[in-house]
N, C-alpha and C. Protein backbone atom coordinates (compact mmCIF):
# COMPACT_ATOMS: atom_id res chain seq x y z
N MET A 1 113.52 93.87 102.42
CA MET A 1 113.52 95.42 102.56
C MET A 1 113.75 95.49 103.91
N LYS A 2 114.55 96.56 104.22
CA LYS A 2 114.67 97.41 105.61
C LYS A 2 114.00 98.75 105.43
N ILE A 3 113.81 99.06 106.84
CA ILE A 3 113.54 100.43 107.07
C ILE A 3 114.28 100.98 108.28
N ILE A 4 114.86 102.10 107.62
CA ILE A 4 115.87 102.80 108.60
C ILE A 4 115.54 104.06 108.77
N ASN A 5 115.79 104.58 110.23
CA ASN A 5 115.49 106.01 110.56
C ASN A 5 116.85 106.46 110.40
N THR A 6 117.26 107.33 109.31
CA THR A 6 118.49 107.70 109.06
C THR A 6 118.93 109.02 109.96
N THR A 7 117.71 109.69 110.58
CA THR A 7 118.05 110.67 111.30
C THR A 7 118.62 110.16 112.82
N LYS A 8 118.04 109.32 113.21
CA LYS A 8 118.44 108.53 114.34
C LYS A 8 119.59 107.42 114.18
N ASN A 9 119.77 106.99 113.10
CA ASN A 9 120.63 105.92 112.52
C ASN A 9 120.17 104.62 113.30
N THR A 10 118.82 104.20 113.28
CA THR A 10 118.28 103.15 113.92
C THR A 10 117.57 102.18 112.78
N GLU A 11 117.39 100.98 112.99
CA GLU A 11 116.62 100.18 112.20
C GLU A 11 115.21 99.98 112.67
N LEU A 12 114.23 100.35 112.00
CA LEU A 12 112.84 100.13 112.30
C LEU A 12 112.39 98.88 111.97
N ALA A 13 112.81 98.23 110.95
CA ALA A 13 112.24 96.82 110.48
C ALA A 13 113.38 96.28 109.46
N VAL A 14 113.35 95.11 109.79
CA VAL A 14 114.21 94.39 108.64
C VAL A 14 113.61 93.30 107.97
N ASP A 15 112.19 93.10 108.24
CA ASP A 15 111.47 92.09 107.48
C ASP A 15 110.26 92.89 107.14
N VAL A 16 110.07 93.43 105.99
CA VAL A 16 109.10 94.17 105.54
C VAL A 16 108.32 93.84 104.40
N LEU A 17 106.98 93.91 104.39
CA LEU A 17 105.94 93.77 103.23
C LEU A 17 105.47 94.85 102.74
N ALA A 18 105.29 95.00 101.22
CA ALA A 18 104.74 96.25 100.87
C ALA A 18 103.29 95.88 100.29
N ALA A 19 102.56 96.96 100.78
CA ALA A 19 101.25 96.70 100.36
C ALA A 19 100.90 97.93 99.16
N ASP A 20 101.17 97.61 97.93
CA ASP A 20 101.14 98.63 96.90
C ASP A 20 100.16 98.45 96.07
N SER A 21 99.17 97.82 96.27
CA SER A 21 97.93 97.56 95.45
C SER A 21 96.82 97.88 96.19
N LEU A 22 95.48 97.97 95.65
CA LEU A 22 94.22 98.32 96.52
C LEU A 22 93.88 97.20 97.22
N LEU A 23 94.04 95.84 96.73
CA LEU A 23 93.59 94.59 97.45
C LEU A 23 94.65 94.58 98.73
N LEU A 24 95.99 94.57 98.50
CA LEU A 24 97.01 94.32 99.48
C LEU A 24 96.86 95.35 100.56
N ARG A 25 96.51 96.70 100.16
CA ARG A 25 96.29 97.84 101.21
C ARG A 25 95.21 97.33 102.05
N MET A 26 93.95 96.97 101.21
CA MET A 26 92.73 96.74 102.08
C MET A 26 93.08 95.64 103.15
N LYS A 27 93.71 94.64 102.69
CA LYS A 27 93.92 93.29 103.67
C LYS A 27 95.07 93.92 104.73
N GLY A 28 95.97 94.42 104.21
CA GLY A 28 97.02 94.98 105.25
C GLY A 28 97.29 93.92 106.19
N LEU A 29 97.27 94.12 107.42
CA LEU A 29 97.70 93.20 108.60
C LEU A 29 96.42 92.29 109.02
N LEU A 30 95.40 92.54 108.31
CA LEU A 30 94.24 91.67 108.84
C LEU A 30 94.52 90.23 108.72
N GLY A 31 94.10 89.40 109.55
CA GLY A 31 94.29 87.97 109.69
C GLY A 31 95.51 87.45 110.47
N ARG A 32 96.45 88.42 110.68
CA ARG A 32 97.63 88.05 111.31
C ARG A 32 97.36 87.81 112.90
N LYS A 33 97.90 87.02 113.53
CA LYS A 33 97.81 86.72 114.80
C LYS A 33 98.84 87.48 115.63
N GLU A 34 100.07 87.70 115.12
CA GLU A 34 100.87 88.54 115.72
C GLU A 34 101.75 89.47 114.77
N PHE A 35 102.62 90.39 115.40
CA PHE A 35 103.29 91.20 114.43
C PHE A 35 104.65 91.65 115.36
N ARG A 36 105.80 91.00 115.01
CA ARG A 36 106.77 90.98 115.94
C ARG A 36 107.66 92.19 115.53
N LEU A 37 108.69 92.57 116.67
CA LEU A 37 109.57 93.60 116.48
C LEU A 37 110.48 93.11 115.39
N GLY A 38 110.88 94.19 114.47
CA GLY A 38 111.56 93.85 113.42
C GLY A 38 110.90 93.73 111.96
N GLN A 39 109.46 93.52 112.18
CA GLN A 39 108.49 93.47 111.22
C GLN A 39 108.16 94.73 110.68
N GLY A 40 107.65 94.98 109.49
CA GLY A 40 106.85 96.15 109.21
C GLY A 40 106.02 95.81 107.80
N MET A 41 105.00 96.95 107.74
CA MET A 41 104.57 96.87 106.34
C MET A 41 104.40 98.35 105.88
N ILE A 42 104.56 98.49 104.52
CA ILE A 42 104.50 99.66 103.91
C ILE A 42 103.13 99.76 103.14
N LEU A 43 102.23 100.81 103.22
CA LEU A 43 101.15 100.87 102.51
C LEU A 43 101.48 102.17 101.71
N LYS A 44 101.16 102.02 100.28
CA LYS A 44 101.45 102.99 99.51
C LYS A 44 100.55 103.06 98.11
N PRO A 45 99.97 104.13 97.87
CA PRO A 45 99.81 105.27 98.59
C PRO A 45 98.82 105.29 99.90
N CYS A 46 98.95 106.03 100.82
CA CYS A 46 98.14 105.87 101.90
C CYS A 46 98.34 107.10 102.88
N ASN A 47 97.15 107.78 103.31
CA ASN A 47 97.30 108.85 104.64
C ASN A 47 96.34 108.67 105.65
N SER A 48 95.70 107.38 105.70
CA SER A 48 95.00 107.03 106.94
C SER A 48 94.76 105.59 107.01
N VAL A 49 94.77 105.11 108.23
CA VAL A 49 94.61 103.68 108.47
C VAL A 49 93.58 103.25 109.56
N HIS A 50 93.44 101.99 109.87
CA HIS A 50 92.22 101.47 110.64
C HIS A 50 92.91 100.33 111.23
N THR A 51 92.40 99.88 112.34
CA THR A 51 92.94 98.74 112.83
C THR A 51 91.54 97.97 113.44
N LEU A 52 90.57 98.07 112.51
CA LEU A 52 89.29 97.18 112.48
C LEU A 52 89.53 95.76 112.29
N PHE A 53 89.08 94.92 113.23
CA PHE A 53 89.24 93.58 113.15
C PHE A 53 90.68 93.08 113.41
N MET A 54 91.50 93.73 113.87
CA MET A 54 92.85 93.40 114.10
C MET A 54 92.93 92.94 115.54
N ARG A 55 94.21 92.16 115.78
CA ARG A 55 94.30 91.43 117.16
C ARG A 55 95.22 92.00 117.86
N PHE A 56 95.78 93.04 117.55
CA PHE A 56 97.15 93.55 118.28
C PHE A 56 97.04 95.24 118.02
N ALA A 57 97.83 95.79 118.80
CA ALA A 57 98.08 97.30 118.61
C ALA A 57 99.38 97.41 117.60
N ILE A 58 99.37 98.52 117.02
CA ILE A 58 100.43 98.82 116.24
C ILE A 58 100.78 100.30 116.39
N ASP A 59 102.24 100.52 115.98
CA ASP A 59 102.74 101.99 115.64
C ASP A 59 102.60 102.21 114.31
N VAL A 60 102.20 103.54 114.01
CA VAL A 60 101.97 103.84 112.60
C VAL A 60 102.87 105.16 112.48
N LEU A 61 103.62 105.17 111.25
CA LEU A 61 104.28 106.38 110.70
C LEU A 61 103.59 106.81 109.47
N PHE A 62 103.41 108.08 109.40
CA PHE A 62 102.95 108.72 107.87
C PHE A 62 104.13 109.46 107.51
N LEU A 63 104.61 109.15 106.26
CA LEU A 63 105.53 109.85 105.71
C LEU A 63 105.13 110.72 104.39
N ASP A 64 105.80 111.68 103.97
CA ASP A 64 105.41 112.36 102.84
C ASP A 64 106.56 111.91 101.78
N LYS A 65 106.31 112.77 100.58
CA LYS A 65 107.14 111.97 99.34
C LYS A 65 108.67 112.22 99.56
N ALA A 66 109.20 112.86 100.32
CA ALA A 66 110.45 113.41 100.59
C ALA A 66 110.96 112.15 101.80
N ASN A 67 110.09 111.19 102.17
CA ASN A 67 110.41 110.27 103.29
C ASN A 67 110.72 110.80 104.66
N SER A 68 110.20 111.86 105.11
CA SER A 68 109.98 112.58 106.25
C SER A 68 108.81 112.18 106.78
N VAL A 69 108.99 112.00 108.28
CA VAL A 69 107.71 111.66 109.03
C VAL A 69 107.03 112.92 109.39
N VAL A 70 105.54 112.92 108.82
CA VAL A 70 104.67 113.93 108.99
C VAL A 70 103.68 113.69 110.16
N GLY A 71 103.56 112.60 110.54
CA GLY A 71 102.60 112.07 111.56
C GLY A 71 102.98 110.85 112.06
N MET A 72 102.60 110.42 113.21
CA MET A 72 102.75 109.22 113.90
C MET A 72 101.76 108.91 114.90
N ILE A 73 101.51 107.74 115.09
CA ILE A 73 100.62 107.31 116.20
C ILE A 73 101.07 106.02 116.95
N GLU A 74 101.47 106.22 118.35
CA GLU A 74 101.99 105.03 119.02
C GLU A 74 100.82 104.17 119.68
N ASP A 75 100.97 102.86 119.59
CA ASP A 75 100.19 102.04 120.21
C ASP A 75 98.72 102.21 120.00
N MET A 76 98.51 102.18 118.64
CA MET A 76 97.21 102.29 118.06
C MET A 76 96.45 100.87 118.34
N LYS A 77 95.44 100.97 119.46
CA LYS A 77 94.91 99.88 119.65
C LYS A 77 93.69 99.17 118.32
N PRO A 78 93.49 97.96 118.63
CA PRO A 78 92.56 97.62 117.58
C PRO A 78 91.08 98.12 117.50
N TYR A 79 90.28 98.34 116.45
CA TYR A 79 89.21 98.96 116.29
C TYR A 79 89.29 100.29 116.36
N ARG A 80 90.31 100.97 115.67
CA ARG A 80 90.51 102.64 115.76
C ARG A 80 90.61 102.84 114.41
N ILE A 81 90.28 104.22 114.07
CA ILE A 81 90.47 104.77 112.77
C ILE A 81 91.37 105.92 112.93
N SER A 82 92.62 106.21 111.95
CA SER A 82 93.34 107.34 112.33
C SER A 82 92.72 108.46 111.68
N LYS A 83 93.11 109.55 111.96
CA LYS A 83 92.69 110.73 111.18
C LYS A 83 93.36 110.80 109.64
N ILE A 84 93.19 111.70 109.13
CA ILE A 84 93.63 111.80 107.72
C ILE A 84 94.89 112.72 107.75
N TYR A 85 95.88 112.10 107.34
CA TYR A 85 97.40 113.17 107.32
C TYR A 85 97.41 113.64 105.93
N LEU A 86 97.13 114.69 105.49
CA LEU A 86 97.00 115.43 104.18
C LEU A 86 98.23 115.28 103.58
N LYS A 87 99.24 115.55 104.35
CA LYS A 87 100.65 115.66 103.80
C LYS A 87 101.32 114.29 103.46
N ALA A 88 100.56 113.30 104.18
CA ALA A 88 101.20 111.84 103.94
C ALA A 88 101.07 111.31 102.63
N TYR A 89 101.95 110.58 102.04
CA TYR A 89 101.95 109.85 100.78
C TYR A 89 102.01 108.43 101.01
N TYR A 90 102.59 107.92 102.07
CA TYR A 90 102.69 106.54 102.46
C TYR A 90 102.75 106.34 103.96
N VAL A 91 102.35 105.06 104.32
CA VAL A 91 102.34 104.73 105.70
C VAL A 91 103.28 103.57 105.93
N ILE A 92 103.90 103.37 107.19
CA ILE A 92 104.62 102.40 107.82
C ILE A 92 104.03 101.82 108.83
N GLU A 93 103.65 100.59 108.97
CA GLU A 93 102.97 100.02 110.08
C GLU A 93 103.94 99.08 110.84
N LEU A 94 104.21 99.31 112.13
CA LEU A 94 105.38 98.61 112.97
C LEU A 94 104.52 97.99 114.20
N PRO A 95 105.31 97.09 114.83
CA PRO A 95 104.78 96.43 116.01
C PRO A 95 104.60 97.54 117.13
N ALA A 96 103.72 97.40 117.92
CA ALA A 96 103.63 98.59 118.99
C ALA A 96 104.98 98.59 119.91
N GLY A 97 105.42 99.88 120.07
CA GLY A 97 106.60 100.04 120.94
C GLY A 97 107.86 100.25 119.95
N THR A 98 107.79 100.02 118.56
CA THR A 98 108.91 100.36 118.00
C THR A 98 109.21 101.82 117.81
N ILE A 99 108.21 102.85 117.76
CA ILE A 99 108.57 104.33 117.73
C ILE A 99 109.23 104.66 119.07
N LYS A 100 108.76 104.08 120.22
CA LYS A 100 109.42 104.42 121.50
C LYS A 100 110.85 103.85 121.67
N ILE A 101 111.01 102.63 121.27
CA ILE A 101 112.53 101.83 121.28
C ILE A 101 113.56 102.59 120.41
N THR A 102 112.92 103.18 119.20
CA THR A 102 113.93 103.70 118.24
C THR A 102 113.86 105.31 118.43
N ASN A 103 113.18 105.92 119.25
CA ASN A 103 113.06 107.26 119.41
C ASN A 103 112.86 108.14 118.27
N THR A 104 112.00 107.49 117.38
CA THR A 104 111.55 108.12 116.07
C THR A 104 110.58 109.23 116.48
N ARG A 105 110.85 110.27 115.82
CA ARG A 105 110.15 111.61 116.00
C ARG A 105 109.56 112.28 114.68
N LEU A 106 108.72 113.27 114.93
CA LEU A 106 108.15 114.00 113.68
C LEU A 106 109.40 114.67 113.03
N LEU A 107 109.31 114.79 111.60
CA LEU A 107 110.54 115.23 110.82
C LEU A 107 111.57 114.35 110.49
N ASP A 108 111.66 113.13 111.19
CA ASP A 108 112.95 112.26 111.02
C ASP A 108 112.82 111.82 109.62
N SER A 109 113.92 111.63 109.00
CA SER A 109 114.04 111.25 107.76
C SER A 109 114.25 109.72 107.68
N ILE A 110 113.30 108.85 106.80
CA ILE A 110 113.32 107.40 106.83
C ILE A 110 113.74 106.90 105.40
N THR A 111 114.54 105.89 105.48
CA THR A 111 115.18 105.45 104.20
C THR A 111 114.61 103.85 104.19
N LEU A 112 114.33 103.51 102.89
CA LEU A 112 113.65 102.10 102.55
C LEU A 112 114.92 101.41 101.80
N LYS A 113 115.50 100.46 102.15
CA LYS A 113 116.66 99.45 101.57
C LYS A 113 116.04 98.21 101.00
């Protein structure tokens, strides 16, 4: 699966895992030693994340049901908890720096292929 920012015509990730069950969402990226550019994780449904017990920072996009970015966190360090994004239906976790590199912004449209 790929994640594309269709507003900017850029690839956010080409190696994507889906965490669409309670157990998969709870595990998320826990236990990983690294998260490389080009990788991503989709958590669905989800409107808040944490980085407790993680070993690296991440970028986080919060998307609504129309695949529009309604919230974002750049370089979320380990042992943090995000606020709840009430309009968010799902979350995309990306390696730190991806938001900046791709110039992703609020209200950008995202496509999952």
